[in-house]
Structure formats: structure tokens, C-alpha cells
Amino acid sequence: MTELEKRLLATEGGIAPEALRLCVLSRQRVDTGRWWRRSPLWVCATESHLILLAVSRRKYIEQVPLADCRDSRYNAESGELILAPVETLLFSRIRMSPRDALAVLRAIGNR
């Protein structure tokens, strides 16, 4: 995680990087105001929340309680982690490797 991403996590999210249980770089790219490419989406977990963030010229950060993600699953055909039943997230389908998705599902508490 870059210093800019850590600063966004601390200022907007109110979370110190040391408080994270899990921090995974997904394969999903997000439009954050770069001209020629998109920024990577980070999936982080604390004891109580799941955090999605990306930063460049614009900032993207969202938090949801882990309890709201209990029905999440990994779709092996599409290579996406599906965060369910959360409907408030801008990105509820996130491309990532099976190993990273398993780590996120374990952090959520989904076995």
C-alpha cells in the first residue's frame, strides 16, 4: 500500500494501517481521475468492518460492517468475489485471485 493510500485510510476511514487484519490488492481497477489508466482497488478488513479503497486524483473509500457481508462468496467462473447481501457498495463484485478471495472470506467470517 502506498503512502497516499495509507493517508486516505487514516484520514477518511479513521483507521490506522496497523489496525488492519487483512489488506489485499484486487485485480479490479477503479476510475480515480488518472488519464491513461485506472487505480487498483484495495480490500481491507478490520475486526468489525470491510473497507474498499482506491486513490489517485480522486478518492474512493467505502466501509461496511462485516456482519453485512456474511453471504459473500467467490465465483470461480468469473474470478470475482461477490459481497452479499450488501447493496450499498459501489463495487460488490470484485475481481481477485481465489487465494486472496479465500483470505477475504475468512476475514469476513464466512467459512
PDB file of N, CA and C in Angstrom:
ATOM      1  N   MET A   1       0.843  -1.171   0.000  1.00  0.00           N
ATOM      2  CA  MET A   1       0.000   0.000   0.000  1.00  0.00           C
ATOM      3  C   MET A   1       0.894   1.242   0.000  1.00  0.00           C
ATOM      4  N   THR A   2       0.569   2.205  -0.853  1.00  0.00           N
ATOM      5  CA  THR A   2       1.377   3.412  -0.937  1.00  0.00           C
ATOM      6  C   THR A   2       1.046   4.362   0.219  1.00  0.00           C
ATOM      7  N   GLU A   3       1.873   5.368   0.379  1.00  0.00           N
ATOM      8  CA  GLU A   3       1.649   6.351   1.434  1.00  0.00           C
ATOM      9  C   GLU A   3       0.346   7.110   1.217  1.00  0.00           C
ATOM     10  N   LEU A   4       0.004   7.393  -0.025  1.00  0.00           N
ATOM     11  CA  LEU A   4      -1.240   8.084  -0.337  1.00  0.00           C
ATOM     12  C   LEU A   4      -2.449   7.247   0.085  1.00  0.00           C
ATOM     13  N   GLU A   5      -2.388   5.957  -0.151  1.00  0.00           N
ATOM     14  CA  GLU A   5      -3.477   5.062   0.244  1.00  0.00           C
ATOM     15  C   GLU A   5      -3.556   4.920   1.764  1.00  0.00           C
ATOM     16  N   LYS A   6      -2.413   4.861   2.434  1.00  0.00           N
ATOM     17  CA  LYS A   6      -2.406   4.803   3.897  1.00  0.00           C
ATOM     18  C   LYS A   6      -2.975   6.081   4.498  1.00  0.00           C
ATOM     19  N   ARG A   7      -2.639   7.222   3.899  1.00  0.00           N
ATOM     20  CA  ARG A   7      -3.143   8.502   4.384  1.00  0.00           C
ATOM     21  C   ARG A   7      -4.667   8.590   4.205  1.00  0.00           C
ATOM     22  N   LEU A   8      -5.176   8.101   3.074  1.00  0.00           N
ATOM     23  CA  LEU A   8      -6.618   8.077   2.845  1.00  0.00           C
ATOM     24  C   LEU A   8      -7.312   7.198   3.877  1.00  0.00           C
ATOM     25  N   LEU A   9      -6.741   6.070   4.169  1.00  0.00           N
ATOM     26  CA  LEU A   9      -7.295   5.159   5.158  1.00  0.00           C
ATOM     27  C   LEU A   9      -7.353   5.810   6.531  1.00  0.00           C
ATOM     28  N   ALA A  10      -6.298   6.558   6.891  1.00  0.00           N
ATOM     29  CA  ALA A  10      -6.253   7.198   8.202  1.00  0.00           C
ATOM     30  C   ALA A  10      -7.171   8.412   8.289  1.00  0.00           C
ATOM     31  N   THR A  11      -7.199   9.243   7.246  1.00  0.00           N
ATOM     32  CA  THR A  11      -7.991  10.473   7.325  1.00  0.00           C
ATOM     33  C   THR A  11      -9.472  10.238   7.061  1.00  0.00           C
ATOM     34  N   GLU A  12      -9.806   9.605   5.956  1.00  0.00           N
ATOM     35  CA  GLU A  12     -11.212   9.398   5.592  1.00  0.00           C
ATOM     36  C   GLU A  12     -11.839   8.223   6.341  1.00  0.00           C
ATOM     37  N   GLY A  13     -11.068   7.167   6.527  1.00  0.00           N
ATOM     38  CA  GLY A  13     -11.605   5.983   7.180  1.00  0.00           C
ATOM     39  C   GLY A  13     -11.447   5.995   8.683  1.00  0.00           C
ATOM     40  N   GLY A  14     -10.523   6.816   9.190  1.00  0.00           N
ATOM     41  CA  GLY A  14     -10.286   6.874  10.626  1.00  0.00           C
ATOM     42  C   GLY A  14      -9.621   5.624  11.174  1.00  0.00           C
ATOM     43  N   ILE A  15      -8.849   4.941  10.334  1.00  0.00           N
ATOM     44  CA  ILE A  15      -8.236   3.670  10.723  1.00  0.00           C
ATOM     45  C   ILE A  15      -6.733   3.733  10.483  1.00  0.00           C
ATOM     46  N   ALA A  16      -5.978   3.358  11.486  1.00  0.00           N
ATOM     47  CA  ALA A  16      -4.528   3.274  11.326  1.00  0.00           C
ATOM     48  C   ALA A  16      -4.200   2.003  10.553  1.00  0.00           C
ATOM     49  N   PRO A  17      -3.209   2.055   9.651  1.00  0.00           N
ATOM     50  CA  PRO A  17      -2.848   0.850   8.885  1.00  0.00           C
ATOM     51  C   PRO A  17      -2.473  -0.340   9.770  1.00  0.00           C
ATOM     52  N   GLU A  18      -2.018  -0.081  10.973  1.00  0.00           N
ATOM     53  CA  GLU A  18      -1.650  -1.173  11.886  1.00  0.00           C
ATOM     54  C   GLU A  18      -2.877  -1.917  12.408  1.00  0.00           C
ATOM     55  N   ALA A  19      -4.059  -1.285  12.341  1.00  0.00           N
ATOM     56  CA  ALA A  19      -5.286  -1.895  12.857  1.00  0.00           C
ATOM     57  C   ALA A  19      -5.913  -2.869  11.869  1.00  0.00           C
ATOM     58  N   LEU A  20      -5.365  -2.978  10.678  1.00  0.00           N
ATOM     59  CA  LEU A  20      -5.933  -3.866   9.662  1.00  0.00           C
ATOM     60  C   LEU A  20      -5.577  -5.318   9.930  1.00  0.00           C
ATOM     61  N   ARG A  21      -6.564  -6.182   9.848  1.00  0.00           N
ATOM     62  CA  ARG A  21      -6.319  -7.626   9.939  1.00  0.00           C
ATOM     63  C   ARG A  21      -5.901  -8.179   8.596  1.00  0.00           C
ATOM     64  N   LEU A  22      -6.394  -7.547   7.528  1.00  0.00           N
ATOM     65  CA  LEU A  22      -6.153  -8.048   6.182  1.00  0.00           C
ATOM     66  C   LEU A  22      -6.140  -6.876   5.217  1.00  0.00           C
ATOM     67  N   CYS A  23      -5.238  -6.930   4.271  1.00  0.00           N
ATOM     68  CA  CYS A  23      -5.175  -5.919   3.222  1.00  0.00           C
ATOM     69  C   CYS A  23      -4.738  -6.625   1.939  1.00  0.00           C
ATOM     70  N   VAL A  24      -5.651  -6.671   0.943  1.00  0.00           N
ATOM     71  CA  VAL A  24      -5.425  -7.423  -0.282  1.00  0.00           C
ATOM     72  C   VAL A  24      -5.596  -6.493  -1.485  1.00  0.00           C
ATOM     73  N   LEU A  25      -4.660  -6.562  -2.396  1.00  0.00           N
ATOM     74  CA  LEU A  25      -4.761  -5.821  -3.646  1.00  0.00           C
ATOM     75  C   LEU A  25      -5.533  -6.679  -4.641  1.00  0.00           C
ATOM     76  N   SER A  26      -6.684  -6.185  -5.075  1.00  0.00           N
ATOM     77  CA  SER A  26      -7.514  -6.955  -6.002  1.00  0.00           C
ATOM     78  C   SER A  26      -7.060  -6.728  -7.438  1.00  0.00           C
ATOM     79  N   ARG A  27      -7.690  -7.434  -8.354  1.00  0.00           N
ATOM     80  CA  ARG A  27      -7.421  -7.244  -9.781  1.00  0.00           C
ATOM     81  C   ARG A  27      -8.366  -6.214 -10.398  1.00  0.00           C
ATOM     82  N   GLN A  28      -9.265  -5.703  -9.582  1.00  0.00           N
ATOM     83  CA  GLN A  28     -10.238  -4.696 -10.015  1.00  0.00           C
ATOM     84  C   GLN A  28      -9.544  -3.336 -10.151  1.00  0.00           C
ATOM     85  N   ARG A  29      -9.883  -2.596 -11.169  1.00  0.00           N
ATOM     86  CA  ARG A  29      -9.364  -1.245 -11.382  1.00  0.00           C
ATOM     87  C   ARG A  29     -10.511  -0.250 -11.295  1.00  0.00           C
ATOM     88  N   VAL A  30     -10.236   0.917 -10.697  1.00  0.00           N
ATOM     89  CA  VAL A  30     -11.252   1.918 -10.415  1.00  0.00           C
ATOM     90  C   VAL A  30     -10.839   3.242 -11.042  1.00  0.00           C
ATOM     91  N   ASP A  31     -11.807   3.959 -11.586  1.00  0.00           N
ATOM     92  CA  ASP A  31     -11.534   5.276 -12.167  1.00  0.00           C
ATOM     93  C   ASP A  31     -11.385   6.296 -11.041  1.00  0.00           C
ATOM     94  N   THR A  32     -10.160   6.768 -10.847  1.00  0.00           N
ATOM     95  CA  THR A  32      -9.888   7.774  -9.820  1.00  0.00           C
ATOM     96  C   THR A  32      -9.268   9.031 -10.421  1.00  0.00           C
ATOM     97  N   GLY A  33      -9.521   9.267 -11.679  1.00  0.00           N
ATOM     98  CA  GLY A  33      -9.091  10.507 -12.298  1.00  0.00           C
ATOM     99  C   GLY A  33      -7.757  10.467 -13.014  1.00  0.00           C
ATOM    100  N   ARG A  34      -7.183   9.318 -13.202  1.00  0.00           N
ATOM    101  CA  ARG A  34      -5.957   9.222 -13.987  1.00  0.00           C
ATOM    102  C   ARG A  34      -6.299   9.291 -15.465  1.00  0.00           C
ATOM    103  N   TRP A  35      -5.411   9.803 -16.253  1.00  0.00           N
ATOM    104  CA  TRP A  35      -5.683   9.969 -17.672  1.00  0.00           C
ATOM    105  C   TRP A  35      -5.688   8.646 -18.427  1.00  0.00           C
ATOM    106  N   TRP A  36      -4.657   7.853 -18.263  1.00  0.00           N
ATOM    107  CA  TRP A  36      -4.479   6.686 -19.136  1.00  0.00           C
ATOM    108  C   TRP A  36      -4.737   5.346 -18.491  1.00  0.00           C
ATOM    109  N   ARG A  37      -4.922   5.337 -17.173  1.00  0.00           N
ATOM    110  CA  ARG A  37      -5.179   4.049 -16.538  1.00  0.00           C
ATOM    111  C   ARG A  37      -5.965   4.244 -15.248  1.00  0.00           C
ATOM    112  N   ARG A  38      -6.448   3.157 -14.731  1.00  0.00           N
ATOM    113  CA  ARG A  38      -7.245   3.180 -13.517  1.00  0.00           C
ATOM    114  C   ARG A  38      -6.393   2.736 -12.333  1.00  0.00           C
ATOM    115  N   SER A  39      -6.838   3.065 -11.135  1.00  0.00           N
ATOM    116  CA  SER A  39      -6.117   2.720  -9.907  1.00  0.00           C
ATOM    117  C   SER A  39      -6.586   1.370  -9.378  1.00  0.00           C
ATOM    118  N   PRO A  40      -5.705   0.636  -8.723  1.00  0.00           N
ATOM    119  CA  PRO A  40      -6.108  -0.656  -8.159  1.00  0.00           C
ATOM    120  C   PRO A  40      -7.013  -0.471  -6.942  1.00  0.00           C
ATOM    121  N   LEU A  41      -7.904  -1.421  -6.748  1.00  0.00           N
ATOM    122  CA  LEU A  41      -8.828  -1.411  -5.621  1.00  0.00           C
ATOM    123  C   LEU A  41      -8.260  -2.300  -4.514  1.00  0.00           C
ATOM    124  N   TRP A  42      -8.155  -1.745  -3.329  1.00  0.00           N
ATOM    125  CA  TRP A  42      -7.701  -2.487  -2.158  1.00  0.00           C
ATOM    126  C   TRP A  42      -8.905  -2.964  -1.367  1.00  0.00           C
ATOM    127  N   VAL A  43      -8.828  -4.181  -0.856  1.00  0.00           N
ATOM    128  CA  VAL A  43      -9.853  -4.738   0.018  1.00  0.00           C
ATOM    129  C   VAL A  43      -9.182  -4.980   1.361  1.00  0.00           C
ATOM    130  N   CYS A  44      -9.666  -4.280   2.387  1.00  0.00           N
ATOM    131  CA  CYS A  44      -9.072  -4.373   3.718  1.00  0.00           C
ATOM    132  C   CYS A  44     -10.141  -4.766   4.727  1.00  0.00           C
ATOM    133  N   ALA A  45      -9.707  -5.381   5.816  1.00  0.00           N
ATOM    134  CA  ALA A  45     -10.633  -5.782   6.870  1.00  0.00           C
ATOM    135  C   ALA A  45     -10.048  -5.437   8.225  1.00  0.00           C
ATOM    136  N   THR A  46     -10.914  -4.908   9.095  1.00  0.00           N
ATOM    137  CA  THR A  46     -10.576  -4.699  10.497  1.00  0.00           C
ATOM    138  C   THR A  46     -11.364  -5.733  11.295  1.00  0.00           C
ATOM    139  N   GLU A  47     -11.403  -5.576  12.597  1.00  0.00           N
ATOM    140  CA  GLU A  47     -12.175  -6.505  13.427  1.00  0.00           C
ATOM    141  C   GLU A  47     -13.669  -6.417  13.152  1.00  0.00           C
ATOM    142  N   SER A  48     -14.141  -5.241  12.694  1.00  0.00           N
ATOM    143  CA  SER A  48     -15.581  -5.055  12.555  1.00  0.00           C
ATOM    144  C   SER A  48     -16.046  -4.589  11.172  1.00  0.00           C
ATOM    145  N   HIS A  49     -15.133  -4.130  10.309  1.00  0.00           N
ATOM    146  CA  HIS A  49     -15.548  -3.553   9.027  1.00  0.00           C
ATOM    147  C   HIS A  49     -14.726  -4.083   7.851  1.00  0.00           C
ATOM    148  N   LEU A  50     -15.357  -4.073   6.695  1.00  0.00           N
ATOM    149  CA  LEU A  50     -14.690  -4.338   5.424  1.00  0.00           C
ATOM    150  C   LEU A  50     -14.553  -2.993   4.723  1.00  0.00           C
ATOM    151  N   ILE A  51     -13.365  -2.703   4.210  1.00  0.00           N
ATOM    152  CA  ILE A  51     -13.068  -1.403   3.621  1.00  0.00           C
ATOM    153  C   ILE A  51     -12.576  -1.606   2.203  1.00  0.00           C
ATOM    154  N   LEU A  52     -13.144  -0.854   1.264  1.00  0.00           N
ATOM    155  CA  LEU A  52     -12.694  -0.823  -0.122  1.00  0.00           C
ATOM    156  C   LEU A  52     -12.135   0.554  -0.377  1.00  0.00           C
ATOM    157  N   LEU A  53     -10.922   0.628  -0.973  1.00  0.00           N
ATOM    158  CA  LEU A  53     -10.352   1.945  -1.227  1.00  0.00           C
ATOM    159  C   LEU A  53      -9.457   1.948  -2.447  1.00  0.00           C
ATOM    160  N   ALA A  54      -9.419   3.111  -3.090  1.00  0.00           N
ATOM    161  CA  ALA A  54      -8.541   3.385  -4.223  1.00  0.00           C
ATOM    162  C   ALA A  54      -8.328   4.890  -4.232  1.00  0.00           C
ATOM    163  N   VAL A  55      -7.148   5.314  -4.663  1.00  0.00           N
ATOM    164  CA  VAL A  55      -6.866   6.747  -4.642  1.00  0.00           C
ATOM    165  C   VAL A  55      -5.901   7.126  -5.747  1.00  0.00           C
ATOM    166  N   SER A  56      -6.102   8.290  -6.283  1.00  0.00           N
ATOM    167  CA  SER A  56      -5.192   8.964  -7.209  1.00  0.00           C
ATOM    168  C   SER A  56      -5.574  10.435  -7.139  1.00  0.00           C
ATOM    169  N   ARG A  57      -6.073  11.011  -8.210  1.00  0.00           N
ATOM    170  CA  ARG A  57      -6.551  12.394  -8.145  1.00  0.00           C
ATOM    171  C   ARG A  57      -7.848  12.482  -7.352  1.00  0.00           C
ATOM    172  N   ARG A  58      -8.708  11.468  -7.499  1.00  0.00           N
ATOM    173  CA  ARG A  58      -9.938  11.382  -6.714  1.00  0.00           C
ATOM    174  C   ARG A  58      -9.803  10.238  -5.729  1.00  0.00           C
ATOM    175  N   LYS A  59     -10.632  10.265  -4.701  1.00  0.00           N
ATOM    176  CA  LYS A  59     -10.592   9.245  -3.663  1.00  0.00           C
ATOM    177  C   LYS A  59     -11.845   8.380  -3.722  1.00  0.00           C
ATOM    178  N   TYR A  60     -11.649   7.118  -3.459  1.00  0.00           N
ATOM    179  CA  TYR A  60     -12.773   6.206  -3.303  1.00  0.00           C
ATOM    180  C   TYR A  60     -12.519   5.389  -2.049  1.00  0.00           C
ATOM    181  N   ILE A  61     -13.423   5.474  -1.095  1.00  0.00           N
ATOM    182  CA  ILE A  61     -13.338   4.656   0.113  1.00  0.00           C
ATOM    183  C   ILE A  61     -14.757   4.375   0.599  1.00  0.00           C
ATOM    184  N   GLU A  62     -15.016   3.122   0.901  1.00  0.00           N
ATOM    185  CA  GLU A  62     -16.300   2.702   1.443  1.00  0.00           C
ATOM    186  C   GLU A  62     -16.056   1.683   2.542  1.00  0.00           C
ATOM    187  N   GLN A  63     -16.892   1.732   3.562  1.00  0.00           N
ATOM    188  CA  GLN A  63     -16.823   0.780   4.663  1.00  0.00           C
ATOM    189  C   GLN A  63     -18.193   0.163   4.880  1.00  0.00           C
ATOM    190  N   VAL A  64     -18.199  -1.114   5.184  1.00  0.00           N
ATOM    191  CA  VAL A  64     -19.428  -1.805   5.580  1.00  0.00           C
ATOM    192  C   VAL A  64     -19.097  -2.727   6.750  1.00  0.00           C
ATOM    193  N   PRO A  65     -20.038  -2.912   7.651  1.00  0.00           N
ATOM    194  CA  PRO A  65     -19.808  -3.864   8.738  1.00  0.00           C
ATOM    195  C   PRO A  65     -19.632  -5.284   8.200  1.00  0.00           C
ATOM    196  N   LEU A  66     -18.784  -6.047   8.839  1.00  0.00           N
ATOM    197  CA  LEU A  66     -18.563  -7.434   8.417  1.00  0.00           C
ATOM    198  C   LEU A  66     -19.848  -8.250   8.496  1.00  0.00           C
ATOM    199  N   ALA A  67     -20.712  -7.901   9.441  1.00  0.00           N
ATOM    200  CA  ALA A  67     -21.968  -8.639   9.589  1.00  0.00           C
ATOM    201  C   ALA A  67     -22.852  -8.501   8.351  1.00  0.00           C
ATOM    202  N   ASP A  68     -22.679  -7.425   7.581  1.00  0.00           N
ATOM    203  CA  ASP A  68     -23.472  -7.224   6.369  1.00  0.00           C
ATOM    204  C   ASP A  68     -22.937  -8.015   5.175  1.00  0.00           C
ATOM    205  N   CYS A  69     -21.818  -8.712   5.352  1.00  0.00           N
ATOM    206  CA  CYS A  69     -21.179  -9.444   4.238  1.00  0.00           C
ATOM    207  C   CYS A  69     -21.189 -10.953   4.456  1.00  0.00           C
ATOM    208  N   ARG A  70     -22.014 -11.440   5.337  1.00  0.00           N
ATOM    209  CA  ARG A  70     -21.984 -12.859   5.711  1.00  0.00           C
ATOM    210  C   ARG A  70     -22.315 -13.825   4.584  1.00  0.00           C
ATOM    211  N   ASP A  71     -23.052 -13.391   3.580  1.00  0.00           N
ATOM    212  CA  ASP A  71     -23.418 -14.286   2.479  1.00  0.00           C
ATOM    213  C   ASP A  71     -22.484 -14.154   1.281  1.00  0.00           C
ATOM    214  N   SER A  72     -21.320 -13.581   1.481  1.00  0.00           N
ATOM    215  CA  SER A  72     -20.368 -13.385   0.384  1.00  0.00           C
ATOM    216  C   SER A  72     -19.827 -14.725  -0.086  1.00  0.00           C
ATOM    217  N   ARG A  73     -19.415 -14.750  -1.351  1.00  0.00           N
ATOM    218  CA  ARG A  73     -18.898 -15.993  -1.943  1.00  0.00           C
ATOM    219  C   ARG A  73     -17.955 -15.645  -3.091  1.00  0.00           C
ATOM    220  N   TYR A  74     -17.242 -16.648  -3.558  1.00  0.00           N
ATOM    221  CA  TYR A  74     -16.330 -16.476  -4.687  1.00  0.00           C
ATOM    222  C   TYR A  74     -16.895 -17.229  -5.886  1.00  0.00           C
ATOM    223  N   ASN A  75     -16.984 -16.550  -7.015  1.00  0.00           N
ATOM    224  CA  ASN A  75     -17.449 -17.175  -8.251  1.00  0.00           C
ATOM    225  C   ASN A  75     -16.207 -17.556  -9.057  1.00  0.00           C
ATOM    226  N   ALA A  76     -15.918 -18.839  -9.128  1.00  0.00           N
ATOM    227  CA  ALA A  76     -14.707 -19.310  -9.810  1.00  0.00           C
ATOM    228  C   ALA A  76     -14.772 -19.106 -11.316  1.00  0.00           C
ATOM    229  N   GLU A  77     -15.951 -19.136 -11.887  1.00  0.00           N
ATOM    230  CA  GLU A  77     -16.078 -18.955 -13.340  1.00  0.00           C
ATOM    231  C   GLU A  77     -15.725 -17.540 -13.782  1.00  0.00           C
ATOM    232  N   SER A  78     -16.171 -16.558 -13.012  1.00  0.00           N
ATOM    233  CA  SER A  78     -15.886 -15.164 -13.380  1.00  0.00           C
ATOM    234  C   SER A  78     -14.643 -14.623 -12.684  1.00  0.00           C
ATOM    235  N   GLY A  79     -14.161 -15.311 -11.652  1.00  0.00           N
ATOM    236  CA  GLY A  79     -12.996 -14.849 -10.913  1.00  0.00           C
ATOM    237  C   GLY A  79     -13.302 -13.646 -10.047  1.00  0.00           C
ATOM    238  N   GLU A  80     -14.534 -13.594  -9.521  1.00  0.00           N
ATOM    239  CA  GLU A  80     -14.967 -12.445  -8.733  1.00  0.00           C
ATOM    240  C   GLU A  80     -15.389 -12.851  -7.328  1.00  0.00           C
ATOM    241  N   LEU A  81     -15.034 -12.002  -6.375  1.00  0.00           N
ATOM    242  CA  LEU A  81     -15.565 -12.102  -5.025  1.00  0.00           C
ATOM    243  C   LEU A  81     -16.874 -11.319  -5.032  1.00  0.00           C
ATOM    244  N   ILE A  82     -17.946 -11.953  -4.617  1.00  0.00           N
ATOM    245  CA  ILE A  82     -19.261 -11.312  -4.607  1.00  0.00           C
ATOM    246  C   ILE A  82     -19.616 -11.019  -3.159  1.00  0.00           C
ATOM    247  N   LEU A  83     -19.684  -9.725  -2.837  1.00  0.00           N
ATOM    248  CA  LEU A  83     -20.025  -9.302  -1.487  1.00  0.00           C
ATOM    249  C   LEU A  83     -21.547  -9.222  -1.385  1.00  0.00           C
ATOM    250  N   ALA A  84     -22.106 -10.057  -0.530  1.00  0.00           N
ATOM    251  CA  ALA A  84     -23.566 -10.120  -0.415  1.00  0.00           C
ATOM    252  C   ALA A  84     -23.949 -10.221   1.050  1.00  0.00           C
ATOM    253  N   PRO A  85     -25.080  -9.773   1.438  1.00  0.00           N
ATOM    254  CA  PRO A  85     -26.147  -9.107   0.703  1.00  0.00           C
ATOM    255  C   PRO A  85     -26.012  -7.593   0.652  1.00  0.00           C
ATOM    256  N   VAL A  86     -24.830  -7.068   0.719  1.00  0.00           N
ATOM    257  CA  VAL A  86     -24.599  -5.621   0.715  1.00  0.00           C
ATOM    258  C   VAL A  86     -25.063  -5.007  -0.608  1.00  0.00           C
ATOM    259  N   GLU A  87     -25.925  -4.022  -0.520  1.00  0.00           N
ATOM    260  CA  GLU A  87     -26.413  -3.348  -1.721  1.00  0.00           C
ATOM    261  C   GLU A  87     -25.905  -1.913  -1.801  1.00  0.00           C
ATOM    262  N   THR A  88     -25.255  -1.424  -0.762  1.00  0.00           N
ATOM    263  CA  THR A  88     -24.828  -0.033  -0.721  1.00  0.00           C
ATOM    264  C   THR A  88     -23.459   0.201  -1.344  1.00  0.00           C
ATOM    265  N   LEU A  89     -22.683  -0.837  -1.563  1.00  0.00           N
ATOM    266  CA  LEU A  89     -21.342  -0.677  -2.116  1.00  0.00           C
ATOM    267  C   LEU A  89     -21.383  -0.387  -3.611  1.00  0.00           C
ATOM    268  N   LEU A  90     -20.500   0.484  -4.048  1.00  0.00           N
ATOM    269  CA  LEU A  90     -20.377   0.773  -5.471  1.00  0.00           C
ATOM    270  C   LEU A  90     -19.831  -0.443  -6.216  1.00  0.00           C
ATOM    271  N   PHE A  91     -18.891  -1.159  -5.574  1.00  0.00           N
ATOM    272  CA  PHE A  91     -18.304  -2.368  -6.147  1.00  0.00           C
ATOM    273  C   PHE A  91     -18.620  -3.546  -5.237  1.00  0.00           C
ATOM    274  N   SER A  92     -19.619  -4.329  -5.598  1.00  0.00           N
ATOM    275  CA  SER A  92     -19.948  -5.514  -4.801  1.00  0.00           C
ATOM    276  C   SER A  92     -19.443  -6.792  -5.468  1.00  0.00           C
ATOM    277  N   ARG A  93     -18.922  -6.662  -6.684  1.00  0.00           N
ATOM    278  CA  ARG A  93     -18.290  -7.775  -7.403  1.00  0.00           C
ATOM    279  C   ARG A  93     -16.863  -7.343  -7.712  1.00  0.00           C
ATOM    280  N   ILE A  94     -15.902  -8.025  -7.107  1.00  0.00           N
ATOM    281  CA  ILE A  94     -14.505  -7.602  -7.195  1.00  0.00           C
ATOM    282  C   ILE A  94     -13.670  -8.737  -7.778  1.00  0.00           C
ATOM    283  N   ARG A  95     -12.963  -8.436  -8.868  1.00  0.00           N
ATOM    284  CA  ARG A  95     -12.082  -9.443  -9.483  1.00  0.00           C
ATOM    285  C   ARG A  95     -10.857  -9.634  -8.593  1.00  0.00           C
ATOM    286  N   MET A  96     -10.575 -10.897  -8.272  1.00  0.00           N
ATOM    287  CA  MET A  96      -9.385 -11.230  -7.485  1.00  0.00           C
ATOM    288  C   MET A  96      -9.083 -12.708  -7.608  1.00  0.00           C
ATOM    289  N   SER A  97      -7.888 -13.064  -7.192  1.00  0.00           N
ATOM    290  CA  SER A  97      -7.464 -14.459  -7.274  1.00  0.00           C
ATOM    291  C   SER A  97      -8.217 -15.289  -6.232  1.00  0.00           C
ATOM    292  N   PRO A  98      -8.319 -16.591  -6.456  1.00  0.00           N
ATOM    293  CA  PRO A  98      -9.006 -17.449  -5.484  1.00  0.00           C
ATOM    294  C   PRO A  98      -8.354 -17.419  -4.098  1.00  0.00           C
ATOM    295  N   ARG A  99      -7.039 -17.355  -4.045  1.00  0.00           N
ATOM    296  CA  ARG A  99      -6.331 -17.323  -2.761  1.00  0.00           C
ATOM    297  C   ARG A  99      -6.664 -16.051  -1.982  1.00  0.00           C
ATOM    298  N   ASP A 100      -6.668 -14.905  -2.669  1.00  0.00           N
ATOM    299  CA  ASP A 100      -7.000 -13.648  -1.998  1.00  0.00           C
ATOM    300  C   ASP A 100      -8.467 -13.620  -1.582  1.00  0.00           C
ATOM    301  N   ALA A 101      -9.336 -14.150  -2.430  1.00  0.00           N
ATOM    302  CA  ALA A 101     -10.757 -14.198  -2.096  1.00  0.00           C
ATOM    303  C   ALA A 101     -11.007 -15.066  -0.865  1.00  0.00           C
ATOM    304  N   LEU A 102     -10.294 -16.165  -0.759  1.00  0.00           N
ATOM    305  CA  LEU A 102     -10.422 -17.033   0.408  1.00  0.00           C
ATOM    306  C   LEU A 102      -9.978 -16.300   1.673  1.00  0.00           C
ATOM    307  N   ALA A 103      -8.912 -15.523   1.582  1.00  0.00           N
ATOM    308  CA  ALA A 103      -8.444 -14.744   2.738  1.00  0.00           C
ATOM    309  C   ALA A 103      -9.488 -13.709   3.153  1.00  0.00           C
ATOM    310  N   VAL A 104     -10.114 -13.061   2.178  1.00  0.00           N
ATOM    311  CA  VAL A 104     -11.157 -12.076   2.492  1.00  0.00           C
ATOM    312  C   VAL A 104     -12.366 -12.770   3.111  1.00  0.00           C
ATOM    313  N   LEU A 105     -12.760 -13.894   2.559  1.00  0.00           N
ATOM    314  CA  LEU A 105     -13.903 -14.632   3.118  1.00  0.00           C
ATOM    315  C   LEU A 105     -13.629 -15.094   4.539  1.00  0.00           C
ATOM    316  N   ARG A 106     -12.428 -15.501   4.825  1.00  0.00           N
ATOM    317  CA  ARG A 106     -12.069 -15.878   6.201  1.00  0.00           C
ATOM    318  C   ARG A 106     -12.108 -14.673   7.125  1.00  0.00           C
ATOM    319  N   ALA A 107     -11.648 -13.518   6.656  1.00  0.00           N
ATOM    320  CA  ALA A 107     -11.683 -12.299   7.467  1.00  0.00           C
ATOM    321  C   ALA A 107     -13.122 -11.868   7.748  1.00  0.00           C
ATOM    322  N   ILE A 108     -14.005 -12.089   6.782  1.00  0.00           N
ATOM    323  CA  ILE A 108     -15.417 -11.761   6.964  1.00  0.00           C
ATOM    324  C   ILE A 108     -16.051 -12.706   7.967  1.00  0.00           C
ATOM    325  N   GLY A 109     -15.563 -13.918   8.034  1.00  0.00           N
ATOM    326  CA  GLY A 109     -16.142 -14.909   8.924  1.00  0.00           C
ATOM    327  C   GLY A 109     -16.967 -15.929   8.174  1.00  0.00           C
ATOM    328  N   ASN A 110     -16.866 -15.926   6.855  1.00  0.00           N
ATOM    329  CA  ASN A 110     -17.591 -16.862   6.013  1.00  0.00           C
ATOM    330  C   ASN A 110     -16.693 -18.076   5.776  1.00  0.00           C
ATOM    331  N   ARG A 111     -17.106 -19.227   6.243  1.00  0.00           N
ATOM    332  CA  ARG A 111     -16.277 -20.436   6.123  1.00  0.00           C
ATOM    333  C   ARG A 111     -16.708 -21.269   4.949  1.00  0.00           C
TER     334      ARG A 111
END
